[in-house]
Amino acid sequence: MSSVVGRARIRACQPSVAALRHNENVRLEARRLRAGELFAAGVRQAEVARQLEVSAQAVSVWHTRWQAGGVDALYSRGPSGPAPRLSDAQLATVEQALLEGASAHGFVIGRISAIASAALVSMQRNRLASVTKA
C-alpha cells in the first residue's frame, strides 16, 4: 500500500474539527446540567465544584444563571463571537484542499508547512470570493 493511500485511510478515520467541537460542547453542557441537578438537590457550590472538578468561579457563574432561569439557563447559548466569514461549504472546500496536500496545489514541498498552508487558504478564499462576487 502506498503512503498516499495509507494517509488517505487515516484521514478518513479522523473526525472533523466541527465534530470534535460539537462533542466538546455537548460534554460541557452535560456538566452544567449536572450542576443544575446538584443545585436543585441543595448541594453547596463548593461541593459541586469538587464533584465536577471545575473551579469555584465557574460554579458560581452557573449557580447565578440557575437561580435566574432554572436549568434552562444552563443550556448552551450557541457559539460566541462574530459570525464566520466563510460558509460551511466554503470551509469544506478549504479543508478538502488542505487534506489533498500542498503538492496537489502547486507547492513543491511534500508536507504542508505553515507558509504553504496559509497561502493555500488565501488562494481558496480569493477563488471563493471571486465566485461569490460574480
Protein backbone atom coordinates (compact mmCIF):
# COMPACT_ATOMS: atom_id res chain seq x y z
CA MET A 1 0.00 0.00 0.00
CA SER A 2 1.41 3.37 -0.95
CA SER A 3 1.94 6.01 1.70
CA VAL A 4 -0.61 8.28 -0.05
CA VAL A 5 -3.34 5.63 0.23
CA GLY A 6 -2.36 4.95 3.84
CA ARG A 7 -2.60 8.64 4.70
CA ALA A 8 -5.98 8.89 2.97
CA ARG A 9 -7.29 6.00 5.06
CA ILE A 10 -6.03 7.60 8.26
CA ARG A 11 -7.63 10.94 7.33
CA ALA A 12 -10.93 9.24 6.54
CA CYS A 13 -10.99 7.81 10.08
CA GLN A 14 -10.25 11.14 11.75
CA PRO A 15 -13.23 13.16 12.99
CA SER A 16 -13.62 16.66 11.61
CA VAL A 17 -12.84 19.71 13.68
CA ALA A 18 -16.54 20.57 13.74
CA ALA A 19 -17.41 17.11 15.10
CA LEU A 20 -14.78 17.42 17.83
CA ARG A 21 -16.02 20.89 18.74
CA HIS A 22 -19.63 19.64 18.88
CA ASN A 23 -18.67 16.70 21.11
CA GLU A 24 -16.85 19.03 23.48
CA ASN A 25 -19.82 21.43 23.63
CA VAL A 26 -22.17 18.53 24.42
CA ARG A 27 -19.82 17.35 27.20
CA LEU A 28 -19.60 20.83 28.74
CA GLU A 29 -23.36 21.34 28.56
CA ALA A 30 -23.94 17.99 30.28
CA ARG A 31 -21.62 19.09 33.07
CA ARG A 32 -23.55 22.35 33.55
CA LEU A 33 -26.85 20.46 33.61
CA ARG A 34 -25.43 18.07 36.21
CA ALA A 35 -24.52 21.12 38.28
CA GLY A 36 -28.14 22.29 37.99
CA GLU A 37 -29.32 18.93 39.33
CA LEU A 38 -26.94 19.26 42.26
CA PHE A 39 -28.09 22.83 42.96
CA ALA A 40 -31.71 21.65 42.97
CA ALA A 41 -30.75 18.91 45.43
CA GLY A 42 -29.31 21.54 47.78
CA VAL A 43 -25.65 20.68 47.28
CA ARG A 44 -23.33 23.55 48.19
CA GLN A 45 -21.37 25.29 45.44
CA ALA A 46 -18.00 24.16 46.83
CA GLU A 47 -19.14 20.53 46.75
CA VAL A 48 -20.46 20.92 43.19
CA ALA A 49 -17.07 22.30 42.14
CA ARG A 50 -15.31 19.36 43.79
CA GLN A 51 -17.60 16.72 42.27
CA LEU A 52 -17.47 18.16 38.76
CA GLU A 53 -13.76 19.05 39.01
CA VAL A 54 -14.24 22.67 37.97
CA SER A 55 -13.34 25.99 39.54
CA ALA A 56 -15.46 27.59 42.24
CA GLN A 57 -15.77 30.65 39.98
CA ALA A 58 -17.33 28.58 37.17
CA VAL A 59 -19.80 27.03 39.62
CA SER A 60 -20.67 30.48 40.95
CA VAL A 61 -21.49 31.68 37.42
CA TRP A 62 -23.60 28.57 36.79
CA HIS A 63 -25.37 29.00 40.13
CA THR A 64 -26.25 32.61 39.32
CA ARG A 65 -27.61 31.56 35.92
CA TRP A 66 -29.50 28.65 37.52
CA GLN A 67 -31.08 30.94 40.14
CA ALA A 68 -32.15 33.41 37.47
CA GLY A 69 -33.56 30.94 34.94
CA GLY A 70 -33.51 27.41 36.29
CA VAL A 71 -31.99 24.51 34.41
CA ASP A 72 -32.94 26.09 31.06
CA ALA A 73 -30.42 28.87 31.74
CA LEU A 74 -27.62 26.28 31.83
CA TYR A 75 -28.10 25.07 28.25
CA SER A 76 -25.59 26.22 25.66
CA ARG A 77 -26.30 29.65 24.20
CA GLY A 78 -24.60 28.72 20.94
CA PRO A 79 -21.27 29.87 19.59
CA SER A 80 -19.92 33.20 20.73
CA GLY A 81 -18.04 35.73 18.68
CA PRO A 82 -18.63 37.10 15.22
CA ALA A 83 -20.35 35.11 12.51
CA PRO A 84 -17.98 33.09 10.33
CA ARG A 85 -16.82 34.85 7.19
CA LEU A 86 -16.88 31.64 5.16
CA SER A 87 -19.91 29.43 4.75
CA ASP A 88 -19.79 25.77 5.77
CA ALA A 89 -19.45 24.80 2.10
CA GLN A 90 -16.53 27.18 1.65
CA LEU A 91 -14.82 25.86 4.78
CA ALA A 92 -15.30 22.31 3.50
CA THR A 93 -13.59 23.33 0.25
CA VAL A 94 -10.62 24.72 2.15
CA GLU A 95 -10.47 21.66 4.42
CA GLN A 96 -10.50 19.35 1.39
CA ALA A 97 -7.73 21.33 -0.26
CA LEU A 98 -5.63 21.09 2.89
CA LEU A 99 -6.25 17.35 3.10
CA GLU A 100 -5.18 16.93 -0.54
CA GLY A 101 -1.83 18.40 0.39
CA ALA A 102 0.36 21.21 -0.76
CA SER A 103 1.79 19.37 -3.78
CA ALA A 104 -1.72 18.89 -5.22
CA HIS A 105 -2.00 22.68 -5.35
CA GLY A 106 1.32 23.51 -6.96
CA PHE A 107 3.66 23.59 -3.96
CA VAL A 108 6.93 21.72 -4.38
CA ILE A 109 7.28 20.53 -0.81
CA GLY A 110 5.76 17.26 0.34
CA ARG A 111 4.37 18.41 3.65
CA ILE A 112 2.16 21.40 4.30
CA SER A 113 4.19 23.99 6.13
CA ALA A 114 2.63 26.92 7.90
CA ILE A 115 3.51 29.20 4.99
CA ALA A 116 2.14 26.84 2.33
CA SER A 117 -0.98 26.23 4.37
CA ALA A 118 -1.60 29.96 4.78
CA ALA A 119 -1.00 30.54 1.06
CA LEU A 120 -3.40 27.73 0.16
CA VAL A 121 -6.12 29.10 2.42
CA SER A 122 -5.56 32.57 0.97
CA MET A 123 -5.82 31.23 -2.58
CA GLN A 124 -9.02 29.35 -1.72
CA ARG A 125 -10.51 32.48 -0.14
CA ASN A 126 -9.67 34.52 -3.23
CA ARG A 127 -11.21 31.92 -5.52
CA LEU A 128 -14.31 31.66 -3.37
CA ALA A 129 -14.61 35.43 -3.09
CA SER A 130 -14.40 35.84 -6.84
CA VAL A 131 -17.06 33.14 -7.33
CA THR A 132 -19.42 34.71 -4.79
CA LYS A 133 -18.95 38.21 -6.27
CA ALA A 134 -19.73 37.04 -9.81
